[in-house]
Amino acid sequence: MKSIVRFTLMSAVAGAIAVGGTSAAVAQSRPTPKDWNYEIRNGQRVPKGGNRVTNADGSWREEIRQGSCVTIKEKTANGEYKEVRRCD
């Protein structure tokens, strides 16, 4: 009788561990929502770079805030890169 109870208990624990591990893997594979200011990588919060706007011609503009300073990175469609940093 003890062996049946022990087997049932061990099966329940093993099943709970398997289900818990699967849900953690599913949570890790989902992307971070776009309105959050960080991404989750290897279980750690990593700040997102900035808000980049990409145009149809391939050019882009990105603004990164660091305290009272703003760094503006721009790249034109023909490949010219410009970076400006200003602190107010």
C-alpha atoms as a PDB file:
ATOM      1  CA  MET A   1       0.000   0.000   0.000  1.00  0.00           C
ATOM      2  CA  LYS A   2       2.861   2.395   0.826  1.00  0.00           C
ATOM      3  CA  SER A   3       4.470   1.815  -2.564  1.00  0.00           C
ATOM      4  CA  ILE A   4       1.264   2.773  -4.401  1.00  0.00           C
ATOM      5  CA  VAL A   5       0.975   6.018  -2.431  1.00  0.00           C
ATOM      6  CA  ARG A   6       4.661   6.789  -2.954  1.00  0.00           C
ATOM      7  CA  PHE A   7       4.394   6.094  -6.711  1.00  0.00           C
ATOM      8  CA  THR A   8       1.302   8.319  -7.032  1.00  0.00           C
ATOM      9  CA  LEU A   9       2.944  11.139  -5.100  1.00  0.00           C
ATOM     10  CA  MET A  10       6.147  10.944  -7.154  1.00  0.00           C
ATOM     11  CA  SER A  11       4.146  10.925 -10.403  1.00  0.00           C
ATOM     12  CA  ALA A  12       2.230  14.023  -9.324  1.00  0.00           C
ATOM     13  CA  VAL A  13       5.443  15.873  -8.425  1.00  0.00           C
ATOM     14  CA  ALA A  14       7.109  14.905 -11.725  1.00  0.00           C
ATOM     15  CA  GLY A  15       4.039  16.072 -13.663  1.00  0.00           C
ATOM     16  CA  ALA A  16       3.984  19.403 -11.849  1.00  0.00           C
ATOM     17  CA  ILE A  17       7.672  19.976 -12.594  1.00  0.00           C
ATOM     18  CA  ALA A  18       7.180  19.137 -16.273  1.00  0.00           C
ATOM     19  CA  VAL A  19       4.231  21.516 -16.609  1.00  0.00           C
ATOM     20  CA  GLY A  20       6.042  24.309 -14.736  1.00  0.00           C
ATOM     21  CA  GLY A  21       9.117  23.968 -16.924  1.00  0.00           C
ATOM     22  CA  THR A  22       7.050  24.090 -20.093  1.00  0.00           C
ATOM     23  CA  SER A  23       5.226  27.266 -19.083  1.00  0.00           C
ATOM     24  CA  ALA A  24       8.545  28.952 -18.259  1.00  0.00           C
ATOM     25  CA  ALA A  25       9.885  28.055 -21.715  1.00  0.00           C
ATOM     26  CA  VAL A  26       6.759  29.461 -23.376  1.00  0.00           C
ATOM     27  CA  ALA A  27       7.079  32.703 -21.396  1.00  0.00           C
ATOM     28  CA  GLN A  28      10.734  33.059 -22.495  1.00  0.00           C
ATOM     29  CA  SER A  29       9.895  32.631 -26.192  1.00  0.00           C
ATOM     30  CA  ARG A  30       7.327  35.456 -26.341  1.00  0.00           C
ATOM     31  CA  PRO A  31       8.671  38.825 -27.544  1.00  0.00           C
ATOM     32  CA  THR A  32       8.725  41.827 -25.233  1.00  0.00           C
ATOM     33  CA  PRO A  33       5.863  44.272 -25.993  1.00  0.00           C
ATOM     34  CA  LYS A  34       6.926  47.297 -28.057  1.00  0.00           C
ATOM     35  CA  ASP A  35       5.794  49.887 -25.497  1.00  0.00           C
ATOM     36  CA  TRP A  36       8.164  48.572 -22.780  1.00  0.00           C
ATOM     37  CA  ASN A  37      11.527  50.309 -22.362  1.00  0.00           C
ATOM     38  CA  TYR A  38      13.452  47.070 -21.869  1.00  0.00           C
ATOM     39  CA  GLU A  39      13.831  43.598 -23.349  1.00  0.00           C
ATOM     40  CA  ILE A  40      14.270  40.337 -21.473  1.00  0.00           C
ATOM     41  CA  ARG A  41      17.414  38.440 -22.474  1.00  0.00           C
ATOM     42  CA  ASN A  42      18.644  35.409 -20.536  1.00  0.00           C
ATOM     43  CA  GLY A  43      16.138  36.219 -17.801  1.00  0.00           C
ATOM     44  CA  GLN A  44      17.573  39.729 -17.252  1.00  0.00           C
ATOM     45  CA  ARG A  45      16.137  43.152 -18.105  1.00  0.00           C
ATOM     46  CA  VAL A  46      18.182  44.864 -20.834  1.00  0.00           C
ATOM     47  CA  PRO A  47      17.315  48.472 -21.795  1.00  0.00           C
ATOM     48  CA  LYS A  48      16.093  48.944 -25.342  1.00  0.00           C
ATOM     49  CA  GLY A  49      18.288  51.103 -27.535  1.00  0.00           C
ATOM     50  CA  GLY A  50      15.864  53.825 -28.549  1.00  0.00           C
ATOM     51  CA  ASN A  51      12.895  54.553 -30.709  1.00  0.00           C
ATOM     52  CA  ARG A  52      13.976  54.014 -34.304  1.00  0.00           C
ATOM     53  CA  VAL A  53      11.781  55.136 -37.177  1.00  0.00           C
ATOM     54  CA  THR A  54      12.568  53.434 -40.484  1.00  0.00           C
ATOM     55  CA  ASN A  55      11.319  54.909 -43.749  1.00  0.00           C
ATOM     56  CA  ALA A  56      10.345  53.071 -46.925  1.00  0.00           C
ATOM     57  CA  ASP A  57      13.513  54.198 -48.739  1.00  0.00           C
ATOM     58  CA  GLY A  58      15.741  52.535 -46.137  1.00  0.00           C
ATOM     59  CA  SER A  59      16.676  55.652 -44.185  1.00  0.00           C
ATOM     60  CA  TRP A  60      16.151  55.752 -40.425  1.00  0.00           C
ATOM     61  CA  ARG A  61      16.283  58.065 -37.406  1.00  0.00           C
ATOM     62  CA  GLU A  62      16.724  57.032 -33.784  1.00  0.00           C
ATOM     63  CA  GLU A  63      16.581  59.106 -30.584  1.00  0.00           C
ATOM     64  CA  ILE A  64      18.154  57.798 -27.371  1.00  0.00           C
ATOM     65  CA  ARG A  65      17.603  59.610 -24.072  1.00  0.00           C
ATOM     66  CA  GLN A  66      20.189  59.379 -21.296  1.00  0.00           C
ATOM     67  CA  GLY A  67      19.179  61.638 -18.429  1.00  0.00           C
ATOM     68  CA  SER A  68      18.942  65.198 -19.778  1.00  0.00           C
ATOM     69  CA  CYS A  69      20.935  64.340 -22.936  1.00  0.00           C
ATOM     70  CA  VAL A  70      19.578  63.147 -26.264  1.00  0.00           C
ATOM     71  CA  THR A  71      21.581  61.298 -28.914  1.00  0.00           C
ATOM     72  CA  ILE A  72      20.108  61.452 -32.413  1.00  0.00           C
ATOM     73  CA  LYS A  73      21.361  58.888 -34.934  1.00  0.00           C
ATOM     74  CA  GLU A  74      20.377  59.218 -38.586  1.00  0.00           C
ATOM     75  CA  LYS A  75      21.211  57.270 -41.720  1.00  0.00           C
ATOM     76  CA  THR A  76      20.079  58.406 -45.145  1.00  0.00           C
ATOM     77  CA  ALA A  77      18.976  56.200 -48.009  1.00  0.00           C
ATOM     78  CA  ASN A  78      22.333  56.669 -49.773  1.00  0.00           C
ATOM     79  CA  GLY A  79      24.303  55.502 -46.701  1.00  0.00           C
ATOM     80  CA  GLU A  80      25.344  58.729 -44.977  1.00  0.00           C
ATOM     81  CA  TYR A  81      25.433  58.327 -41.182  1.00  0.00           C
ATOM     82  CA  LYS A  82      25.149  61.250 -38.760  1.00  0.00           C
ATOM     83  CA  GLU A  83      25.128  61.226 -34.953  1.00  0.00           C
ATOM     84  CA  VAL A  84      24.361  64.317 -32.863  1.00  0.00           C
ATOM     85  CA  ARG A  85      24.371  64.551 -29.075  1.00  0.00           C
ATOM     86  CA  ARG A  86      22.854  67.472 -27.212  1.00  0.00           C
ATOM     87  CA  CYS A  87      22.359  68.078 -23.526  1.00  0.00           C
ATOM     88  CA  ASP A  88      19.832  70.564 -22.189  1.00  0.00           C
END
